[in-house]
Amino acid sequence: MSVADKHPAGSPLRWWGIRLPFYNLALAFSGAAAFCCYLLAIALFRPDLANDPEFDPGGIAVLMQAVGFCFAMILANACYLALGPGLETLLRPARPTPYRIVLFCAGTAFSVSLPFGIPLLVAIGL
């Protein structure tokens, strides 16, 4: 008997895996939006930095931030695949579908909000 046969809502890994592309799309969009918010926060709250001729938010800086964000997405995917199906297998909820939906939405919302921490820190002056 397979895991899917034992689990009334199907295999946890399959359920979470099907939603992984949406999760990655949400992460990519939030990273791009957070970078735009970062530039806006510099322009609005750090005009001294924005007017500094040595400050260059383009070119190599964008490339380095993109590479760093790719590593962050790899880490986020590892957490997603470990915590989503892992917690479900460990906790064995009686009603897996509502559990999955709530955990997926909460986890995605948390992951999508993380990149906005940098623009927030710039805006409050840290």
PDB file of N, CA and C in Angstrom:
ATOM      1  N   MET A   1       0.851  -1.176   0.000  1.00  0.00           N
ATOM      2  CA  MET A   1       0.000   0.000   0.000  1.00  0.00           C
ATOM      3  C   MET A   1       0.899   1.243   0.000  1.00  0.00           C
ATOM      4  N   SER A   2       0.625   2.189  -0.880  1.00  0.00           N
ATOM      5  CA  SER A   2       1.447   3.397  -0.973  1.00  0.00           C
ATOM      6  C   SER A   2       1.020   4.425   0.060  1.00  0.00           C
ATOM      7  N   VAL A   3       1.833   5.474   0.212  1.00  0.00           N
ATOM      8  CA  VAL A   3       1.514   6.555   1.141  1.00  0.00           C
ATOM      9  C   VAL A   3       0.215   7.236   0.720  1.00  0.00           C
ATOM     10  N   ALA A   4       0.012   7.395  -0.582  1.00  0.00           N
ATOM     11  CA  ALA A   4      -1.205   8.041  -1.072  1.00  0.00           C
ATOM     12  C   ALA A   4      -2.432   7.227  -0.701  1.00  0.00           C
ATOM     13  N   ASP A   5      -2.318   5.898  -0.651  1.00  0.00           N
ATOM     14  CA  ASP A   5      -3.445   5.060  -0.266  1.00  0.00           C
ATOM     15  C   ASP A   5      -3.771   5.219   1.209  1.00  0.00           C
ATOM     16  N   LYS A   6      -2.747   5.420   2.028  1.00  0.00           N
ATOM     17  CA  LYS A   6      -2.947   5.569   3.462  1.00  0.00           C
ATOM     18  C   LYS A   6      -3.476   6.955   3.816  1.00  0.00           C
ATOM     19  N   HIS A   7      -3.173   7.935   3.012  1.00  0.00           N
ATOM     20  CA  HIS A   7      -3.535   9.318   3.296  1.00  0.00           C
ATOM     21  C   HIS A   7      -4.772   9.688   2.486  1.00  0.00           C
ATOM     22  N   PRO A   8      -5.875  10.059   3.150  1.00  0.00           N
ATOM     23  CA  PRO A   8      -7.116  10.316   2.423  1.00  0.00           C
ATOM     24  C   PRO A   8      -7.033  11.467   1.420  1.00  0.00           C
ATOM     25  N   ALA A   9      -6.138  12.412   1.635  1.00  0.00           N
ATOM     26  CA  ALA A   9      -6.039  13.558   0.722  1.00  0.00           C
ATOM     27  C   ALA A   9      -4.874  13.416  -0.243  1.00  0.00           C
ATOM     28  N   GLY A  10      -4.248  12.256  -0.290  1.00  0.00           N
ATOM     29  CA  GLY A  10      -3.104  12.053  -1.173  1.00  0.00           C
ATOM     30  C   GLY A  10      -1.796  12.285  -0.446  1.00  0.00           C
ATOM     31  N   SER A  11      -0.717  12.009  -1.132  1.00  0.00           N
ATOM     32  CA  SER A  11       0.609  12.140  -0.564  1.00  0.00           C
ATOM     33  C   SER A  11       0.919  13.600  -0.209  1.00  0.00           C
ATOM     34  N   PRO A  12       1.424  13.837   1.006  1.00  0.00           N
ATOM     35  CA  PRO A  12       1.798  15.207   1.368  1.00  0.00           C
ATOM     36  C   PRO A  12       2.836  15.808   0.422  1.00  0.00           C
ATOM     37  N   LEU A  13       3.847  15.023   0.072  1.00  0.00           N
ATOM     38  CA  LEU A  13       4.895  15.537  -0.807  1.00  0.00           C
ATOM     39  C   LEU A  13       4.325  15.912  -2.173  1.00  0.00           C
ATOM     40  N   ARG A  14       3.410  15.129  -2.685  1.00  0.00           N
ATOM     41  CA  ARG A  14       2.777  15.442  -3.974  1.00  0.00           C
ATOM     42  C   ARG A  14       1.951  16.723  -3.866  1.00  0.00           C
ATOM     43  N   TRP A  15       1.153  16.857  -2.809  1.00  0.00           N
ATOM     44  CA  TRP A  15       0.308  18.043  -2.645  1.00  0.00           C
ATOM     45  C   TRP A  15       1.170  19.301  -2.574  1.00  0.00           C
ATOM     46  N   TRP A  16       2.206  19.268  -1.755  1.00  0.00           N
ATOM     47  CA  TRP A  16       3.081  20.430  -1.603  1.00  0.00           C
ATOM     48  C   TRP A  16       3.897  20.672  -2.863  1.00  0.00           C
ATOM     49  N   GLY A  17       4.321  19.621  -3.529  1.00  0.00           N
ATOM     50  CA  GLY A  17       5.101  19.758  -4.752  1.00  0.00           C
ATOM     51  C   GLY A  17       4.319  20.425  -5.876  1.00  0.00           C
ATOM     52  N   ILE A  18       3.037  20.116  -5.971  1.00  0.00           N
ATOM     53  CA  ILE A  18       2.198  20.728  -7.005  1.00  0.00           C
ATOM     54  C   ILE A  18       2.120  22.243  -6.820  1.00  0.00           C
ATOM     55  N   ARG A  19       2.180  22.716  -5.591  1.00  0.00           N
ATOM     56  CA  ARG A  19       2.051  24.141  -5.289  1.00  0.00           C
ATOM     57  C   ARG A  19       3.387  24.886  -5.267  1.00  0.00           C
ATOM     58  N   LEU A  20       4.469  24.153  -5.409  1.00  0.00           N
ATOM     59  CA  LEU A  20       5.802  24.768  -5.373  1.00  0.00           C
ATOM     60  C   LEU A  20       6.023  25.811  -6.460  1.00  0.00           C
ATOM     61  N   PRO A  21       5.566  25.617  -7.709  1.00  0.00           N
ATOM     62  CA  PRO A  21       5.750  26.676  -8.715  1.00  0.00           C
ATOM     63  C   PRO A  21       5.071  27.994  -8.343  1.00  0.00           C
ATOM     64  N   PHE A  22       3.867  27.922  -7.766  1.00  0.00           N
ATOM     65  CA  PHE A  22       3.191  29.147  -7.327  1.00  0.00           C
ATOM     66  C   PHE A  22       3.995  29.826  -6.220  1.00  0.00           C
ATOM     67  N   TYR A  23       4.484  29.020  -5.282  1.00  0.00           N
ATOM     68  CA  TYR A  23       5.293  29.545  -4.183  1.00  0.00           C
ATOM     69  C   TYR A  23       6.528  30.270  -4.729  1.00  0.00           C
ATOM     70  N   ASN A  24       7.207  29.661  -5.699  1.00  0.00           N
ATOM     71  CA  ASN A  24       8.397  30.277  -6.289  1.00  0.00           C
ATOM     72  C   ASN A  24       8.057  31.551  -7.051  1.00  0.00           C
ATOM     73  N   LEU A  25       6.939  31.556  -7.749  1.00  0.00           N
ATOM     74  CA  LEU A  25       6.508  32.754  -8.463  1.00  0.00           C
ATOM     75  C   LEU A  25       6.222  33.887  -7.476  1.00  0.00           C
ATOM     76  N   ALA A  26       5.558  33.557  -6.382  1.00  0.00           N
ATOM     77  CA  ALA A  26       5.277  34.562  -5.351  1.00  0.00           C
ATOM     78  C   ALA A  26       6.574  35.101  -4.753  1.00  0.00           C
ATOM     79  N   LEU A  27       7.538  34.224  -4.515  1.00  0.00           N
ATOM     80  CA  LEU A  27       8.834  34.662  -3.979  1.00  0.00           C
ATOM     81  C   LEU A  27       9.563  35.578  -4.956  1.00  0.00           C
ATOM     82  N   ALA A  28       9.577  35.200  -6.223  1.00  0.00           N
ATOM     83  CA  ALA A  28      10.261  36.012  -7.231  1.00  0.00           C
ATOM     84  C   ALA A  28       9.612  37.390  -7.346  1.00  0.00           C
ATOM     85  N   PHE A  29       8.301  37.429  -7.367  1.00  0.00           N
ATOM     86  CA  PHE A  29       7.587  38.709  -7.451  1.00  0.00           C
ATOM     87  C   PHE A  29       7.878  39.561  -6.217  1.00  0.00           C
ATOM     88  N   SER A  30       7.857  38.947  -5.038  1.00  0.00           N
ATOM     89  CA  SER A  30       8.104  39.723  -3.822  1.00  0.00           C
ATOM     90  C   SER A  30       9.527  40.249  -3.774  1.00  0.00           C
ATOM     91  N   GLY A  31      10.479  39.481  -4.287  1.00  0.00           N
ATOM     92  CA  GLY A  31      11.866  39.955  -4.330  1.00  0.00           C
ATOM     93  C   GLY A  31      12.019  41.167  -5.221  1.00  0.00           C
ATOM     94  N   ALA A  32      11.386  41.116  -6.397  1.00  0.00           N
ATOM     95  CA  ALA A  32      11.451  42.260  -7.315  1.00  0.00           C
ATOM     96  C   ALA A  32      10.737  43.478  -6.718  1.00  0.00           C
ATOM     97  N   ALA A  33       9.582  43.248  -6.121  1.00  0.00           N
ATOM     98  CA  ALA A  33       8.832  44.355  -5.509  1.00  0.00           C
ATOM     99  C   ALA A  33       9.605  44.938  -4.325  1.00  0.00           C
ATOM    100  N   ALA A  34      10.239  44.082  -3.540  1.00  0.00           N
ATOM    101  CA  ALA A  34      11.017  44.565  -2.393  1.00  0.00           C
ATOM    102  C   ALA A  34      12.212  45.384  -2.856  1.00  0.00           C
ATOM    103  N   PHE A  35      12.839  44.997  -3.965  1.00  0.00           N
ATOM    104  CA  PHE A  35      13.960  45.782  -4.480  1.00  0.00           C
ATOM    105  C   PHE A  35      13.478  47.165  -4.922  1.00  0.00           C
ATOM    106  N   CYS A  36      12.320  47.219  -5.559  1.00  0.00           N
ATOM    107  CA  CYS A  36      11.745  48.519  -5.941  1.00  0.00           C
ATOM    108  C   CYS A  36      11.438  49.356  -4.702  1.00  0.00           C
ATOM    109  N   CYS A  37      10.897  48.717  -3.661  1.00  0.00           N
ATOM    110  CA  CYS A  37      10.621  49.426  -2.408  1.00  0.00           C
ATOM    111  C   CYS A  37      11.910  49.903  -1.750  1.00  0.00           C
ATOM    112  N   TYR A  38      12.972  49.119  -1.886  1.00  0.00           N
ATOM    113  CA  TYR A  38      14.284  49.500  -1.363  1.00  0.00           C
ATOM    114  C   TYR A  38      14.766  50.787  -2.032  1.00  0.00           C
ATOM    115  N   LEU A  39      14.668  50.836  -3.361  1.00  0.00           N
ATOM    116  CA  LEU A  39      15.080  52.046  -4.083  1.00  0.00           C
ATOM    117  C   LEU A  39      14.206  53.234  -3.708  1.00  0.00           C
ATOM    118  N   LEU A  40      12.912  53.003  -3.548  1.00  0.00           N
ATOM    119  CA  LEU A  40      11.991  54.067  -3.150  1.00  0.00           C
ATOM    120  C   LEU A  40      12.302  54.552  -1.736  1.00  0.00           C
ATOM    121  N   ALA A  41      12.595  53.630  -0.834  1.00  0.00           N
ATOM    122  CA  ALA A  41      12.929  54.008   0.541  1.00  0.00           C
ATOM    123  C   ALA A  41      14.196  54.846   0.585  1.00  0.00           C
ATOM    124  N   ILE A  42      15.177  54.509  -0.258  1.00  0.00           N
ATOM    125  CA  ILE A  42      16.398  55.314  -0.317  1.00  0.00           C
ATOM    126  C   ILE A  42      16.078  56.714  -0.822  1.00  0.00           C
ATOM    127  N   ALA A  43      15.271  56.783  -1.874  1.00  0.00           N
ATOM    128  CA  ALA A  43      14.937  58.089  -2.449  1.00  0.00           C
ATOM    129  C   ALA A  43      14.141  58.947  -1.467  1.00  0.00           C
ATOM    130  N   LEU A  44      13.234  58.334  -0.723  1.00  0.00           N
ATOM    131  CA  LEU A  44      12.366  59.104   0.177  1.00  0.00           C
ATOM    132  C   LEU A  44      12.985  59.376   1.543  1.00  0.00           C
ATOM    133  N   PHE A  45      13.666  58.384   2.093  1.00  0.00           N
ATOM    134  CA  PHE A  45      14.110  58.494   3.480  1.00  0.00           C
ATOM    135  C   PHE A  45      15.617  58.682   3.651  1.00  0.00           C
ATOM    136  N   ARG A  46      16.370  58.460   2.585  1.00  0.00           N
ATOM    137  CA  ARG A  46      17.818  58.625   2.647  1.00  0.00           C
ATOM    138  C   ARG A  46      18.314  59.461   1.471  1.00  0.00           C
ATOM    139  N   PRO A  47      17.840  60.718   1.335  1.00  0.00           N
ATOM    140  CA  PRO A  47      18.272  61.530   0.201  1.00  0.00           C
ATOM    141  C   PRO A  47      19.780  61.773   0.198  1.00  0.00           C
ATOM    142  N   ASP A  48      20.401  61.747   1.389  1.00  0.00           N
ATOM    143  CA  ASP A  48      21.854  61.906   1.445  1.00  0.00           C
ATOM    144  C   ASP A  48      22.553  60.769   0.696  1.00  0.00           C
ATOM    145  N   LEU A  49      22.043  59.574   0.847  1.00  0.00           N
ATOM    146  CA  LEU A  49      22.613  58.420   0.158  1.00  0.00           C
ATOM    147  C   LEU A  49      22.249  58.436  -1.327  1.00  0.00           C
ATOM    148  N   ALA A  50      21.016  58.822  -1.627  1.00  0.00           N
ATOM    149  CA  ALA A  50      20.563  58.861  -3.024  1.00  0.00           C
ATOM    150  C   ALA A  50      21.362  59.877  -3.839  1.00  0.00           C
ATOM    151  N   ASN A  51      21.805  60.955  -3.203  1.00  0.00           N
ATOM    152  CA  ASN A  51      22.548  61.998  -3.908  1.00  0.00           C
ATOM    153  C   ASN A  51      24.061  61.778  -3.887  1.00  0.00           C
ATOM    154  N   ASP A  52      24.504  60.758  -3.206  1.00  0.00           N
ATOM    155  CA  ASP A  52      25.929  60.451  -3.144  1.00  0.00           C
ATOM    156  C   ASP A  52      26.384  59.882  -4.487  1.00  0.00           C
ATOM    157  N   PRO A  53      27.371  60.513  -5.144  1.00  0.00           N
ATOM    158  CA  PRO A  53      27.803  60.034  -6.458  1.00  0.00           C
ATOM    159  C   PRO A  53      28.440  58.637  -6.411  1.00  0.00           C
ATOM    160  N   GLU A  54      28.895  58.216  -5.245  1.00  0.00           N
ATOM    161  CA  GLU A  54      29.494  56.887  -5.137  1.00  0.00           C
ATOM    162  C   GLU A  54      28.461  55.796  -4.910  1.00  0.00           C
ATOM    163  N   PHE A  55      27.230  56.181  -4.603  1.00  0.00           N
ATOM    164  CA  PHE A  55      26.163  55.196  -4.418  1.00  0.00           C
ATOM    165  C   PHE A  55      25.597  54.833  -5.782  1.00  0.00           C
ATOM    166  N   ASP A  56      25.708  53.567  -6.130  1.00  0.00           N
ATOM    167  CA  ASP A  56      25.204  53.103  -7.420  1.00  0.00           C
ATOM    168  C   ASP A  56      24.327  51.879  -7.200  1.00  0.00           C
ATOM    169  N   PRO A  57      22.995  52.065  -7.208  1.00  0.00           N
ATOM    170  CA  PRO A  57      22.111  50.914  -6.980  1.00  0.00           C
ATOM    171  C   PRO A  57      21.919  50.048  -8.226  1.00  0.00           C
ATOM    172  N   GLY A  58      22.662  50.311  -9.254  1.00  0.00           N
ATOM    173  CA  GLY A  58      22.508  49.545 -10.493  1.00  0.00           C
ATOM    174  C   GLY A  58      23.728  48.695 -10.762  1.00  0.00           C
ATOM    175  N   GLY A  59      23.779  48.148 -11.947  1.00  0.00           N
ATOM    176  CA  GLY A  59      24.936  47.389 -12.404  1.00  0.00           C
ATOM    177  C   GLY A  59      25.276  46.198 -11.553  1.00  0.00           C
ATOM    178  N   ILE A  60      26.506  46.197 -11.034  1.00  0.00           N
ATOM    179  CA  ILE A  60      27.004  45.056 -10.278  1.00  0.00           C
ATOM    180  C   ILE A  60      26.237  44.860  -8.979  1.00  0.00           C
ATOM    181  N   ALA A  61      25.748  45.947  -8.384  1.00  0.00           N
ATOM    182  CA  ALA A  61      24.980  45.833  -7.135  1.00  0.00           C
ATOM    183  C   ALA A  61      23.692  45.047  -7.362  1.00  0.00           C
ATOM    184  N   VAL A  62      23.015  45.317  -8.462  1.00  0.00           N
ATOM    185  CA  VAL A  62      21.779  44.589  -8.778  1.00  0.00           C
ATOM    186  C   VAL A  62      22.097  43.120  -9.032  1.00  0.00           C
ATOM    187  N   LEU A  63      23.177  42.869  -9.742  1.00  0.00           N
ATOM    188  CA  LEU A  63      23.580  41.492 -10.029  1.00  0.00           C
ATOM    189  C   LEU A  63      23.890  40.737  -8.733  1.00  0.00           C
ATOM    190  N   MET A  64      24.624  41.362  -7.836  1.00  0.00           N
ATOM    191  CA  MET A  64      24.964  40.715  -6.566  1.00  0.00           C
ATOM    192  C   MET A  64      23.712  40.462  -5.722  1.00  0.00           C
ATOM    193  N   GLN A  65      22.792  41.419  -5.713  1.00  0.00           N
ATOM    194  CA  GLN A  65      21.559  41.219  -4.957  1.00  0.00           C
ATOM    195  C   GLN A  65      20.708  40.113  -5.572  1.00  0.00           C
ATOM    196  N   ALA A  66      20.707  40.028  -6.893  1.00  0.00           N
ATOM    197  CA  ALA A  66      19.954  38.968  -7.565  1.00  0.00           C
ATOM    198  C   ALA A  66      20.539  37.595  -7.236  1.00  0.00           C
ATOM    199  N   VAL A  67      21.850  37.490  -7.222  1.00  0.00           N
ATOM    200  CA  VAL A  67      22.497  36.222  -6.869  1.00  0.00           C
ATOM    201  C   VAL A  67      22.185  35.875  -5.411  1.00  0.00           C
ATOM    202  N   GLY A  68      22.277  36.849  -4.540  1.00  0.00           N
ATOM    203  CA  GLY A  68      21.943  36.621  -3.133  1.00  0.00           C
ATOM    204  C   GLY A  68      20.505  36.194  -2.956  1.00  0.00           C
ATOM    205  N   PHE A  69      19.608  36.794  -3.724  1.00  0.00           N
ATOM    206  CA  PHE A  69      18.201  36.429  -3.622  1.00  0.00           C
ATOM    207  C   PHE A  69      17.964  35.019  -4.144  1.00  0.00           C
ATOM    208  N   CYS A  70      18.712  34.610  -5.161  1.00  0.00           N
ATOM    209  CA  CYS A  70      18.594  33.229  -5.661  1.00  0.00           C
ATOM    210  C   CYS A  70      18.985  32.232  -4.576  1.00  0.00           C
ATOM    211  N   PHE A  71      20.041  32.525  -3.831  1.00  0.00           N
ATOM    212  CA  PHE A  71      20.424  31.660  -2.719  1.00  0.00           C
ATOM    213  C   PHE A  71      19.339  31.650  -1.646  1.00  0.00           C
ATOM    214  N   ALA A  72      18.733  32.816  -1.390  1.00  0.00           N
ATOM    215  CA  ALA A  72      17.643  32.887  -0.417  1.00  0.00           C
ATOM    216  C   ALA A  72      16.447  32.059  -0.885  1.00  0.00           C
ATOM    217  N   MET A  73      16.181  32.066  -2.193  1.00  0.00           N
ATOM    218  CA  MET A  73      15.074  31.259  -2.720  1.00  0.00           C
ATOM    219  C   MET A  73      15.369  29.767  -2.588  1.00  0.00           C
ATOM    220  N   ILE A  74      16.618  29.370  -2.771  1.00  0.00           N
ATOM    221  CA  ILE A  74      16.990  27.964  -2.589  1.00  0.00           C
ATOM    222  C   ILE A  74      16.752  27.546  -1.137  1.00  0.00           C
ATOM    223  N   LEU A  75      17.144  28.405  -0.205  1.00  0.00           N
ATOM    224  CA  LEU A  75      16.915  28.133   1.211  1.00  0.00           C
ATOM    225  C   LEU A  75      15.417  28.077   1.514  1.00  0.00           C
ATOM    226  N   ALA A  76      14.654  29.003   0.943  1.00  0.00           N
ATOM    227  CA  ALA A  76      13.202  29.025   1.145  1.00  0.00           C
ATOM    228  C   ALA A  76      12.558  27.754   0.597  1.00  0.00           C
ATOM    229  N   ASN A  77      13.023  27.280  -0.551  1.00  0.00           N
ATOM    230  CA  ASN A  77      12.486  26.048  -1.120  1.00  0.00           C
ATOM    231  C   ASN A  77      12.812  24.848  -0.241  1.00  0.00           C
ATOM    232  N   ALA A  78      14.010  24.822   0.309  1.00  0.00           N
ATOM    233  CA  ALA A  78      14.382  23.723   1.210  1.00  0.00           C
ATOM    234  C   ALA A  78      13.485  23.725   2.449  1.00  0.00           C
ATOM    235  N   CYS A  79      13.242  24.910   2.997  1.00  0.00           N
ATOM    236  CA  CYS A  79      12.344  25.013   4.160  1.00  0.00           C
ATOM    237  C   CYS A  79      10.930  24.615   3.781  1.00  0.00           C
ATOM    238  N   TYR A  80      10.476  25.051   2.627  1.00  0.00           N
ATOM    239  CA  TYR A  80       9.134  24.722   2.142  1.00  0.00           C
ATOM    240  C   TYR A  80       8.957  23.211   2.044  1.00  0.00           C
ATOM    241  N   LEU A  81       9.911  22.548   1.399  1.00  0.00           N
ATOM    242  CA  LEU A  81       9.789  21.109   1.185  1.00  0.00           C
ATOM    243  C   LEU A  81      10.036  20.303   2.454  1.00  0.00           C
ATOM    244  N   ALA A  82      10.771  20.864   3.399  1.00  0.00           N
ATOM    245  CA  ALA A  82      11.003  20.168   4.662  1.00  0.00           C
ATOM    246  C   ALA A  82       9.843  20.395   5.637  1.00  0.00           C
ATOM    247  N   LEU A  83       9.398  21.645   5.747  1.00  0.00           N
ATOM    248  CA  LEU A  83       8.378  21.969   6.746  1.00  0.00           C
ATOM    249  C   LEU A  83       6.970  21.606   6.306  1.00  0.00           C
ATOM    250  N   GLY A  84       6.625  21.840   5.051  1.00  0.00           N
ATOM    251  CA  GLY A  84       5.269  21.532   4.593  1.00  0.00           C
ATOM    252  C   GLY A  84       4.933  20.058   4.758  1.00  0.00           C
ATOM    253  N   PRO A  85       5.510  19.193   3.919  1.00  0.00           N
ATOM    254  CA  PRO A  85       5.219  17.776   4.055  1.00  0.00           C
ATOM    255  C   PRO A  85       5.777  17.157   5.339  1.00  0.00           C
ATOM    256  N   GLY A  86       6.891  17.704   5.830  1.00  0.00           N
ATOM    257  CA  GLY A  86       7.503  17.150   7.043  1.00  0.00           C
ATOM    258  C   GLY A  86       6.621  17.303   8.268  1.00  0.00           C
ATOM    259  N   LEU A  87       6.109  18.518   8.486  1.00  0.00           N
ATOM    260  CA  LEU A  87       5.227  18.739   9.632  1.00  0.00           C
ATOM    261  C   LEU A  87       3.934  17.949   9.498  1.00  0.00           C
ATOM    262  N   GLU A  88       3.432  17.880   8.274  1.00  0.00           N
ATOM    263  CA  GLU A  88       2.198  17.126   8.066  1.00  0.00           C
ATOM    264  C   GLU A  88       2.398  15.648   8.383  1.00  0.00           C
ATOM    265  N   THR A  89       3.511  15.094   7.963  1.00  0.00           N
ATOM    266  CA  THR A  89       3.803  13.689   8.246  1.00  0.00           C
ATOM    267  C   THR A  89       3.992  13.471   9.745  1.00  0.00           C
ATOM    268  N   LEU A  90       4.634  14.433  10.398  1.00  0.00           N
ATOM    269  CA  LEU A  90       4.881  14.326  11.831  1.00  0.00           C
ATOM    270  C   LEU A  90       3.601  14.495  12.647  1.00  0.00           C
ATOM    271  N   LEU A  91       2.786  15.497  12.293  1.00  0.00           N
ATOM    272  CA  LEU A  91       1.589  15.812  13.079  1.00  0.00           C
ATOM    273  C   LEU A  91       0.381  14.963  12.718  1.00  0.00           C
ATOM    274  N   ARG A  92       0.327  14.471  11.494  1.00  0.00           N
ATOM    275  CA  ARG A  92      -0.786  13.655  11.002  1.00  0.00           C
ATOM    276  C   ARG A  92      -2.148  14.267  11.339  1.00  0.00           C
ATOM    277  N   PRO A  93      -2.467  15.428  10.742  1.00  0.00           N
ATOM    278  CA  PRO A  93      -3.753  16.069  11.054  1.00  0.00           C
ATOM    279  C   PRO A  93      -4.928  15.186  10.623  1.00  0.00           C
ATOM    280  N   ALA A  94      -6.014  15.260  11.396  1.00  0.00           N
ATOM    281  CA  ALA A  94      -7.199  14.459  11.089  1.00  0.00           C
ATOM    282  C   ALA A  94      -7.844  14.927   9.784  1.00  0.00           C
ATOM    283  N   ARG A  95      -7.787  16.213   9.532  1.00  0.00           N
ATOM    284  CA  ARG A  95      -8.347  16.785   8.298  1.00  0.00           C
ATOM    285  C   ARG A  95      -7.200  17.453   7.543  1.00  0.00           C
ATOM    286  N   PRO A  96      -6.504  16.714   6.677  1.00  0.00           N
ATOM    287  CA  PRO A  96      -5.292  17.252   6.043  1.00  0.00           C
ATOM    288  C   PRO A  96      -5.535  18.404   5.072  1.00  0.00           C
ATOM    289  N   THR A  97      -6.655  18.423   4.379  1.00  0.00           N
ATOM    290  CA  THR A  97      -6.856  19.475   3.377  1.00  0.00           C
ATOM    291  C   THR A  97      -6.930  20.863   4.005  1.00  0.00           C
ATOM    292  N   PRO A  98      -7.779  21.099   5.018  1.00  0.00           N
ATOM    293  CA  PRO A  98      -7.760  22.443   5.638  1.00  0.00           C
ATOM    294  C   PRO A  98      -6.416  22.774   6.277  1.00  0.00           C
ATOM    295  N   TYR A  99      -5.778  21.780   6.868  1.00  0.00           N
ATOM    296  CA  TYR A  99      -4.458  21.984   7.472  1.00  0.00           C
ATOM    297  C   TYR A  99      -3.466  22.451   6.414  1.00  0.00           C
ATOM    298  N   ARG A 100      -3.471  21.777   5.275  1.00  0.00           N
ATOM    299  CA  ARG A 100      -2.547  22.126   4.199  1.00  0.00           C
ATOM    300  C   ARG A 100      -2.792  23.534   3.691  1.00  0.00           C
ATOM    301  N   ILE A 101      -4.035  23.873   3.500  1.00  0.00           N
ATOM    302  CA  ILE A 101      -4.368  25.196   2.954  1.00  0.00           C
ATOM    303  C   ILE A 101      -3.923  26.296   3.915  1.00  0.00           C
ATOM    304  N   VAL A 102      -4.228  26.138   5.191  1.00  0.00           N
ATOM    305  CA  VAL A 102      -3.839  27.153   6.185  1.00  0.00           C
ATOM    306  C   VAL A 102      -2.320  27.261   6.278  1.00  0.00           C
ATOM    307  N   LEU A 103      -1.640  26.119   6.355  1.00  0.00           N
ATOM    308  CA  LEU A 103      -0.183  26.146   6.475  1.00  0.00           C
ATOM    309  C   LEU A 103       0.469  26.709   5.210  1.00  0.00           C
ATOM    310  N   PHE A 104      -0.058  26.353   4.047  1.00  0.00           N
ATOM    311  CA  PHE A 104       0.493  26.870   2.791  1.00  0.00           C
ATOM    312  C   PHE A 104       0.320  28.390   2.723  1.00  0.00           C
ATOM    313  N   CYS A 105      -0.866  28.874   3.032  1.00  0.00           N
ATOM    314  CA  CYS A 105      -1.110  30.326   2.968  1.00  0.00           C
ATOM    315  C   CYS A 105      -0.260  31.078   3.991  1.00  0.00           C
ATOM    316  N   ALA A 106      -0.177  30.568   5.210  1.00  0.00           N
ATOM    317  CA  ALA A 106       0.614  31.238   6.246  1.00  0.00           C
ATOM    318  C   ALA A 106       2.103  31.211   5.896  1.00  0.00           C
ATOM    319  N   GLY A 107       2.586  30.075   5.440  1.00  0.00           N
ATOM    320  CA  GLY A 107       3.996  29.965   5.083  1.00  0.00           C
ATOM    321  C   GLY A 107       4.361  30.829   3.895  1.00  0.00           C
ATOM    322  N   THR A 108       3.490  30.868   2.902  1.00  0.00           N
ATOM    323  CA  THR A 108       3.747  31.701   1.725  1.00  0.00           C
ATOM    324  C   THR A 108       3.725  33.177   2.104  1.00  0.00           C
ATOM    325  N   ALA A 109       2.742  33.572   2.920  1.00  0.00           N
ATOM    326  CA  ALA A 109       2.665  34.973   3.355  1.00  0.00           C
ATOM    327  C   ALA A 109       3.920  35.364   4.129  1.00  0.00           C
ATOM    328  N   PHE A 110       4.388  34.496   5.002  1.00  0.00           N
ATOM    329  CA  PHE A 110       5.603  34.773   5.764  1.00  0.00           C
ATOM    330  C   PHE A 110       6.810  34.903   4.828  1.00  0.00           C
ATOM    331  N   SER A 111       6.952  33.973   3.913  1.00  0.00           N
ATOM    332  CA  SER A 111       8.092  33.985   2.992  1.00  0.00           C
ATOM    333  C   SER A 111       8.088  35.199   2.084  1.00  0.00           C
ATOM    334  N   VAL A 112       6.904  35.593   1.639  1.00  0.00           N
ATOM    335  CA  VAL A 112       6.778  36.739   0.740  1.00  0.00           C
ATOM    336  C   VAL A 112       7.058  38.045   1.480  1.00  0.00           C
ATOM    337  N   SER A 113       6.764  38.073   2.774  1.00  0.00           N
ATOM    338  CA  SER A 113       6.981  39.314   3.538  1.00  0.00           C
ATOM    339  C   SER A 113       8.449  39.531   3.910  1.00  0.00           C
ATOM    340  N   LEU A 114       9.242  38.476   3.984  1.00  0.00           N
ATOM    341  CA  LEU A 114      10.636  38.605   4.431  1.00  0.00           C
ATOM    342  C   LEU A 114      11.484  39.578   3.608  1.00  0.00           C
ATOM    343  N   PRO A 115      11.424  39.572   2.272  1.00  0.00           N
ATOM    344  CA  PRO A 115      12.275  40.509   1.521  1.00  0.00           C
ATOM    345  C   PRO A 115      11.971  41.978   1.798  1.00  0.00           C
ATOM    346  N   PHE A 116      10.796  42.276   2.321  1.00  0.00           N
ATOM    347  CA  PHE A 116      10.442  43.672   2.590  1.00  0.00           C
ATOM    348  C   PHE A 116      11.062  44.192   3.883  1.00  0.00           C
ATOM    349  N   GLY A 117      11.770  43.333   4.595  1.00  0.00           N
ATOM    350  CA  GLY A 117      12.453  43.777   5.802  1.00  0.00           C
ATOM    351  C   GLY A 117      13.566  44.765   5.506  1.00  0.00           C
ATOM    352  N   ILE A 118      14.279  44.578   4.404  1.00  0.00           N
ATOM    353  CA  ILE A 118      15.382  45.485   4.056  1.00  0.00           C
ATOM    354  C   ILE A 118      14.868  46.891   3.747  1.00  0.00           C
ATOM    355  N   PRO A 119      13.865  47.064   2.880  1.00  0.00           N
ATOM    356  CA  PRO A 119      13.356  48.426   2.656  1.00  0.00           C
ATOM    357  C   PRO A 119      12.792  49.049   3.932  1.00  0.00           C
ATOM    358  N   LEU A 120      12.200  48.212   4.787  1.00  0.00           N
ATOM    359  CA  LEU A 120      11.680  48.737   6.049  1.00  0.00           C
ATOM    360  C   LEU A 120      12.813  49.243   6.933  1.00  0.00           C
ATOM    361  N   LEU A 121      13.910  48.504   6.996  1.00  0.00           N
ATOM    362  CA  LEU A 121      15.060  48.952   7.785  1.00  0.00           C
ATOM    363  C   LEU A 121      15.642  50.252   7.238  1.00  0.00           C
ATOM    364  N   VAL A 122      15.682  50.371   5.919  1.00  0.00           N
ATOM    365  CA  VAL A 122      16.171  51.624   5.303  1.00  0.00           C
ATOM    366  C   VAL A 122      15.215  52.775   5.651  1.00  0.00           C
ATOM    367  N   ALA A 123      13.930  52.516   5.579  1.00  0.00           N
ATOM    368  CA  ALA A 123      12.941  53.569   5.850  1.00  0.00           C
ATOM    369  C   ALA A 123      12.987  54.061   7.296  1.00  0.00           C
ATOM    370  N   ILE A 124      13.258  53.159   8.246  1.00  0.00           N
ATOM    371  CA  ILE A 124      13.295  53.608   9.647  1.00  0.00           C
ATOM    372  C   ILE A 124      14.674  54.074  10.061  1.00  0.00           C
ATOM    373  N   GLY A 125      15.640  54.002   9.145  1.00  0.00           N
ATOM    374  CA  GLY A 125      16.939  54.594   9.387  1.00  0.00           C
ATOM    375  C   GLY A 125      17.975  53.676   9.984  1.00  0.00           C
ATOM    376  N   LEU A 126      17.783  52.376   9.910  1.00  0.00           N
ATOM    377  CA  LEU A 126      18.799  51.453  10.446  1.00  0.00           C
ATOM    378  C   LEU A 126      19.754  51.000   9.376  1.00  0.00           C
TER     379      LEU A 126
END
